[in-house]
PDB file of N, CA and C in Angstrom:
ATOM      1  N   MET A   1     109.452 -14.293 137.993  1.00  0.00           N
ATOM      2  CA  MET A   1     109.189 -15.512 137.277  1.00  0.00           C
ATOM      3  C   MET A   1     109.087 -15.196 135.787  1.00  0.00           C
ATOM      4  N   SER A   2     109.831 -15.856 134.978  1.00  0.00           N
ATOM      5  CA  SER A   2     109.819 -15.570 133.550  1.00  0.00           C
ATOM      6  C   SER A   2     108.753 -16.406 132.842  1.00  0.00           C
ATOM      7  N   ALA A   3     108.193 -15.817 131.794  1.00  0.00           N
ATOM      8  CA  ALA A   3     107.183 -16.533 131.006  1.00  0.00           C
ATOM      9  C   ALA A   3     107.883 -17.529 130.106  1.00  0.00           C
ATOM     10  N   ARG A   4     107.342 -18.698 130.032  1.00  0.00           N
ATOM     11  CA  ARG A   4     107.915 -19.722 129.158  1.00  0.00           C
ATOM     12  C   ARG A   4     107.184 -19.718 127.831  1.00  0.00           C
ATOM     13  N   ARG A   5     107.947 -19.816 126.787  1.00  0.00           N
ATOM     14  CA  ARG A   5     107.366 -19.849 125.450  1.00  0.00           C
ATOM     15  C   ARG A   5     107.372 -21.274 124.934  1.00  0.00           C
ATOM     16  N   LYS A   6     106.387 -21.551 124.136  1.00  0.00           N
ATOM     17  CA  LYS A   6     106.332 -22.841 123.457  1.00  0.00           C
ATOM     18  C   LYS A   6     107.365 -22.797 122.339  1.00  0.00           C
ATOM     19  N   PRO A   7     108.188 -23.813 122.228  1.00  0.00           N
ATOM     20  CA  PRO A   7     109.206 -23.797 121.169  1.00  0.00           C
ATOM     21  C   PRO A   7     108.566 -23.811 119.784  1.00  0.00           C
ATOM     22  N   ALA A   8     109.247 -23.198 118.844  1.00  0.00           N
ATOM     23  CA  ALA A   8     108.768 -23.182 117.463  1.00  0.00           C
ATOM     24  C   ALA A   8     108.741 -24.599 116.924  1.00  0.00           C
ATOM     25  N   PRO A   9     107.765 -24.912 116.070  1.00  0.00           N
ATOM     26  CA  PRO A   9     107.704 -26.262 115.523  1.00  0.00           C
ATOM     27  C   PRO A   9     108.898 -26.551 114.628  1.00  0.00           C
ATOM     28  N   ALA A  10     109.270 -27.789 114.582  1.00  0.00           N
ATOM     29  CA  ALA A  10     110.361 -28.202 113.696  1.00  0.00           C
ATOM     30  C   ALA A  10     109.920 -27.964 112.263  1.00  0.00           C
ATOM     31  N   SER A  11     110.846 -27.750 111.363  1.00  0.00           N
ATOM     32  CA  SER A  11     110.495 -27.432 109.979  1.00  0.00           C
ATOM     33  C   SER A  11     109.658 -28.521 109.336  1.00  0.00           C
ATOM     34  N   ALA A  12     109.791 -29.767 109.770  1.00  0.00           N
ATOM     35  CA  ALA A  12     109.001 -30.854 109.216  1.00  0.00           C
ATOM     36  C   ALA A  12     107.536 -30.724 109.620  1.00  0.00           C
ATOM     37  N   ASP A  13     107.253 -30.002 110.719  1.00  0.00           N
ATOM     38  CA  ASP A  13     105.882 -29.854 111.200  1.00  0.00           C
ATOM     39  C   ASP A  13     105.126 -28.721 110.517  1.00  0.00           C
ATOM     40  N   ILE A  14     105.817 -27.867 109.792  1.00  0.00           N
ATOM     41  CA  ILE A  14     105.194 -26.709 109.159  1.00  0.00           C
ATOM     42  C   ILE A  14     104.559 -27.136 107.843  1.00  0.00           C
ATOM     43  N   ASP A  15     103.293 -26.723 107.667  1.00  0.00           N
ATOM     44  CA  ASP A  15     102.573 -27.035 106.435  1.00  0.00           C
ATOM     45  C   ASP A  15     103.176 -26.212 105.303  1.00  0.00           C
ATOM     46  N   GLN A  16     103.667 -26.847 104.281  1.00  0.00           N
ATOM     47  CA  GLN A  16     104.334 -26.175 103.175  1.00  0.00           C
ATOM     48  C   GLN A  16     103.397 -25.844 102.018  1.00  0.00           C
ATOM     49  N   THR A  17     102.125 -26.229 102.109  1.00  0.00           N
ATOM     50  CA  THR A  17     101.201 -25.948 101.020  1.00  0.00           C
ATOM     51  C   THR A  17     100.706 -24.513 101.124  1.00  0.00           C
ATOM     52  N   PRO A  18     100.615 -23.811 100.005  1.00  0.00           N
ATOM     53  CA  PRO A  18     100.129 -22.431 100.047  1.00  0.00           C
ATOM     54  C   PRO A  18      98.639 -22.404 100.396  1.00  0.00           C
ATOM     55  N   PRO A  19      98.168 -21.320 101.000  1.00  0.00           N
ATOM     56  CA  PRO A  19      96.745 -21.252 101.345  1.00  0.00           C
ATOM     57  C   PRO A  19      95.870 -21.179 100.102  1.00  0.00           C
ATOM     58  N   ASP A  20      94.668 -21.674 100.214  1.00  0.00           N
ATOM     59  CA  ASP A  20      93.701 -21.602  99.125  1.00  0.00           C
ATOM     60  C   ASP A  20      93.068 -20.223  99.158  1.00  0.00           C
ATOM     61  N   LEU A  21      93.562 -19.321  98.325  1.00  0.00           N
ATOM     62  CA  LEU A  21      93.105 -17.933  98.346  1.00  0.00           C
ATOM     63  C   LEU A  21      91.684 -17.765  97.826  1.00  0.00           C
ATOM     64  N   THR A  22      91.132 -18.782  97.183  1.00  0.00           N
ATOM     65  CA  THR A  22      89.745 -18.678  96.730  1.00  0.00           C
ATOM     66  C   THR A  22      88.789 -18.684  97.906  1.00  0.00           C
ATOM     67  N   ARG A  23      89.246 -19.148  99.066  1.00  0.00           N
ATOM     68  CA  ARG A  23      88.414 -19.172 100.262  1.00  0.00           C
ATOM     69  C   ARG A  23      88.431 -17.839 100.996  1.00  0.00           C
ATOM     70  N   TYR A  24      89.325 -16.945 100.614  1.00  0.00           N
ATOM     71  CA  TYR A  24      89.456 -15.660 101.288  1.00  0.00           C
ATOM     72  C   TYR A  24      89.076 -14.541 100.326  1.00  0.00           C
ATOM     73  N   PRO A  25      87.985 -13.851 100.582  1.00  0.00           N
ATOM     74  CA  PRO A  25      87.549 -12.779  99.671  1.00  0.00           C
ATOM     75  C   PRO A  25      88.418 -11.535  99.843  1.00  0.00           C
ATOM     76  N   VAL A  26      89.582 -11.545  99.224  1.00  0.00           N
ATOM     77  CA  VAL A  26      90.565 -10.480  99.418  1.00  0.00           C
ATOM     78  C   VAL A  26      90.014  -9.127  99.001  1.00  0.00           C
ATOM     79  N   ARG A  27      89.358  -9.064  97.864  1.00  0.00           N
ATOM     80  CA  ARG A  27      88.831  -7.786  97.393  1.00  0.00           C
ATOM     81  C   ARG A  27      87.777  -7.235  98.351  1.00  0.00           C
ATOM     82  N   GLU A  28      86.933  -8.097  98.883  1.00  0.00           N
ATOM     83  CA  GLU A  28      85.918  -7.645  99.839  1.00  0.00           C
ATOM     84  C   GLU A  28      86.594  -7.107 101.104  1.00  0.00           C
ATOM     85  N   TYR A  29      87.619  -7.798 101.548  1.00  0.00           N
ATOM     86  CA  TYR A  29      88.347  -7.365 102.744  1.00  0.00           C
ATOM     87  C   TYR A  29      89.014  -6.005 102.515  1.00  0.00           C
ATOM     88  N   VAL A  30      89.686  -5.856 101.384  1.00  0.00           N
ATOM     89  CA  VAL A  30      90.377  -4.600 101.075  1.00  0.00           C
ATOM     90  C   VAL A  30      89.362  -3.472 100.948  1.00  0.00           C
ATOM     91  N   ALA A  31      88.246  -3.733 100.286  1.00  0.00           N
ATOM     92  CA  ALA A  31      87.214  -2.702 100.128  1.00  0.00           C
ATOM     93  C   ALA A  31      86.686  -2.256 101.482  1.00  0.00           C
ATOM     94  N   SER A  32      86.377  -3.210 102.323  1.00  0.00           N
ATOM     95  CA  SER A  32      85.834  -2.892 103.636  1.00  0.00           C
ATOM     96  C   SER A  32      86.853  -2.166 104.516  1.00  0.00           C
ATOM     97  N   MET A  33      88.063  -2.687 104.556  1.00  0.00           N
ATOM     98  CA  MET A  33      89.094  -2.103 105.415  1.00  0.00           C
ATOM     99  C   MET A  33      89.486  -0.706 104.940  1.00  0.00           C
ATOM    100  N   SER A  34      89.635  -0.525 103.637  1.00  0.00           N
ATOM    101  CA  SER A  34      90.027   0.800 103.152  1.00  0.00           C
ATOM    102  C   SER A  34      88.900   1.806 103.374  1.00  0.00           C
ATOM    103  N   HIS A  35      87.654   1.356 103.311  1.00  0.00           N
ATOM    104  CA  HIS A  35      86.530   2.249 103.617  1.00  0.00           C
ATOM    105  C   HIS A  35      86.581   2.689 105.080  1.00  0.00           C
ATOM    106  N   GLU A  36      86.797   1.739 105.975  1.00  0.00           N
ATOM    107  CA  GLU A  36      86.890   2.064 107.404  1.00  0.00           C
ATOM    108  C   GLU A  36      88.066   3.001 107.681  1.00  0.00           C
ATOM    109  N   LEU A  37      89.186   2.750 107.032  1.00  0.00           N
ATOM    110  CA  LEU A  37      90.351   3.618 107.208  1.00  0.00           C
ATOM    111  C   LEU A  37      90.092   5.015 106.647  1.00  0.00           C
ATOM    112  N   ALA A  38      89.336   5.081 105.554  1.00  0.00           N
ATOM    113  CA  ALA A  38      88.986   6.385 104.985  1.00  0.00           C
ATOM    114  C   ALA A  38      88.149   7.190 105.972  1.00  0.00           C
ATOM    115  N   ILE A  39      87.226   6.533 106.642  1.00  0.00           N
ATOM    116  CA  ILE A  39      86.418   7.210 107.654  1.00  0.00           C
ATOM    117  C   ILE A  39      87.319   7.734 108.769  1.00  0.00           C
ATOM    118  N   MET A  40      88.251   6.921 109.215  1.00  0.00           N
ATOM    119  CA  MET A  40      89.171   7.332 110.276  1.00  0.00           C
ATOM    120  C   MET A  40      90.017   8.521 109.841  1.00  0.00           C
ATOM    121  N   ALA A  41      90.526   8.474 108.608  1.00  0.00           N
ATOM    122  CA  ALA A  41      91.353   9.568 108.105  1.00  0.00           C
ATOM    123  C   ALA A  41      90.535  10.851 108.005  1.00  0.00           C
ATOM    124  N   HIS A  42      89.307  10.726 107.535  1.00  0.00           N
ATOM    125  CA  HIS A  42      88.435  11.900 107.430  1.00  0.00           C
ATOM    126  C   HIS A  42      88.160  12.500 108.807  1.00  0.00           C
ATOM    127  N   GLU A  43      87.861  11.642 109.769  1.00  0.00           N
ATOM    128  CA  GLU A  43      87.604  12.120 111.132  1.00  0.00           C
ATOM    129  C   GLU A  43      88.835  12.783 111.749  1.00  0.00           C
ATOM    130  N   ASP A  44      90.011  12.353 111.293  1.00  0.00           N
ATOM    131  CA  ASP A  44      91.259  12.924 111.800  1.00  0.00           C
ATOM    132  C   ASP A  44      91.654  14.191 111.045  1.00  0.00           C
ATOM    133  N   GLY A  45      90.848  14.547 110.046  1.00  0.00           N
ATOM    134  CA  GLY A  45      91.110  15.774 109.309  1.00  0.00           C
ATOM    135  C   GLY A  45      92.021  15.626 108.112  1.00  0.00           C
ATOM    136  N   ASP A  46      92.317  14.408 107.709  1.00  0.00           N
ATOM    137  CA  ASP A  46      93.203  14.186 106.568  1.00  0.00           C
ATOM    138  C   ASP A  46      92.363  13.823 105.340  1.00  0.00           C
ATOM    139  N   GLY A  47      91.854  14.852 104.691  1.00  0.00           N
ATOM    140  CA  GLY A  47      90.978  14.652 103.549  1.00  0.00           C
ATOM    141  C   GLY A  47      91.638  13.961 102.373  1.00  0.00           C
ATOM    142  N   LEU A  48      92.902  14.289 102.113  1.00  0.00           N
ATOM    143  CA  LEU A  48      93.606  13.683 100.987  1.00  0.00           C
ATOM    144  C   LEU A  48      93.761  12.180 101.184  1.00  0.00           C
ATOM    145  N   LEU A  49      94.179  11.779 102.365  1.00  0.00           N
ATOM    146  CA  LEU A  49      94.315  10.349 102.651  1.00  0.00           C
ATOM    147  C   LEU A  49      92.956   9.662 102.607  1.00  0.00           C
ATOM    148  N   ALA A  50      91.936  10.318 103.136  1.00  0.00           N
ATOM    149  CA  ALA A  50      90.589   9.750 103.107  1.00  0.00           C
ATOM    150  C   ALA A  50      90.139   9.496 101.670  1.00  0.00           C
ATOM    151  N   LYS A  51      90.380  10.461 100.791  1.00  0.00           N
ATOM    152  CA  LYS A  51      89.993  10.310  99.384  1.00  0.00           C
ATOM    153  C   LYS A  51      90.756   9.169  98.720  1.00  0.00           C
ATOM    154  N   ALA A  52      92.048   9.067  98.987  1.00  0.00           N
ATOM    155  CA  ALA A  52      92.853   7.980  98.408  1.00  0.00           C
ATOM    156  C   ALA A  52      92.341   6.621  98.869  1.00  0.00           C
ATOM    157  N   LEU A  53      91.979   6.529 100.129  1.00  0.00           N
ATOM    158  CA  LEU A  53      91.463   5.266 100.655  1.00  0.00           C
ATOM    159  C   LEU A  53      90.088   4.939 100.076  1.00  0.00           C
ATOM    160  N   GLU A  54      89.270   5.950  99.841  1.00  0.00           N
ATOM    161  CA  GLU A  54      87.980   5.716  99.196  1.00  0.00           C
ATOM    162  C   GLU A  54      88.166   5.219  97.768  1.00  0.00           C
ATOM    163  N   VAL A  55      89.162   5.774  97.069  1.00  0.00           N
ATOM    164  CA  VAL A  55      89.461   5.298  95.715  1.00  0.00           C
ATOM    165  C   VAL A  55      89.884   3.831  95.766  1.00  0.00           C
ATOM    166  N   ALA A  56      90.722   3.478  96.728  1.00  0.00           N
ATOM    167  CA  ALA A  56      91.131   2.079  96.883  1.00  0.00           C
ATOM    168  C   ALA A  56      89.922   1.194  97.154  1.00  0.00           C
ATOM    169  N   SER A  57      89.021   1.673  97.981  1.00  0.00           N
ATOM    170  CA  SER A  57      87.807   0.918  98.287  1.00  0.00           C
ATOM    171  C   SER A  57      86.963   0.710  97.032  1.00  0.00           C
ATOM    172  N   GLU A  58      86.798   1.768  96.245  1.00  0.00           N
ATOM    173  CA  GLU A  58      86.026   1.667  95.010  1.00  0.00           C
ATOM    174  C   GLU A  58      86.685   0.708  94.015  1.00  0.00           C
ATOM    175  N   LEU A  59      87.994   0.781  93.884  1.00  0.00           N
ATOM    176  CA  LEU A  59      88.716  -0.115  92.974  1.00  0.00           C
ATOM    177  C   LEU A  59      88.568  -1.576  93.399  1.00  0.00           C
ATOM    178  N   ALA A  60      88.613  -1.824  94.684  1.00  0.00           N
ATOM    179  CA  ALA A  60      88.498  -3.190  95.178  1.00  0.00           C
ATOM    180  C   ALA A  60      87.109  -3.757  94.951  1.00  0.00           C
ATOM    181  N   ARG A  61      86.107  -2.905  94.841  1.00  0.00           N
ATOM    182  CA  ARG A  61      84.733  -3.376  94.603  1.00  0.00           C
ATOM    183  C   ARG A  61      84.463  -3.679  93.122  1.00  0.00           C
ATOM    184  N   ARG A  62      85.345  -3.228  92.240  1.00  0.00           N
ATOM    185  CA  ARG A  62      85.167  -3.509  90.817  1.00  0.00           C
ATOM    186  C   ARG A  62      85.511  -4.967  90.523  1.00  0.00           C
ATOM    187  N   PRO A  63      84.880  -5.529  89.508  1.00  0.00           N
ATOM    188  CA  PRO A  63      85.241  -6.919  89.134  1.00  0.00           C
ATOM    189  C   PRO A  63      86.699  -7.001  88.710  1.00  0.00           C
ATOM    190  N   ALA A  64      87.299  -8.110  89.025  1.00  0.00           N
ATOM    191  CA  ALA A  64      88.726  -8.318  88.701  1.00  0.00           C
ATOM    192  C   ALA A  64      88.961  -8.469  87.222  1.00  0.00           C
TER     193      ALA A  64
END
């Protein structure tokens, strides 16, 4: 038995307005995610990648 997929919406049904990025704390997300990835890289023994990700985390925490 094959799985049935819901058809893609017609182009008229797609919302064409861009998302309100002020509602999404991008810098907070990047800081948090890069910190978590740095921990993973460090645990995997990749110190250079861990350091680069920590730098990204620190940069994301700075004011824009």
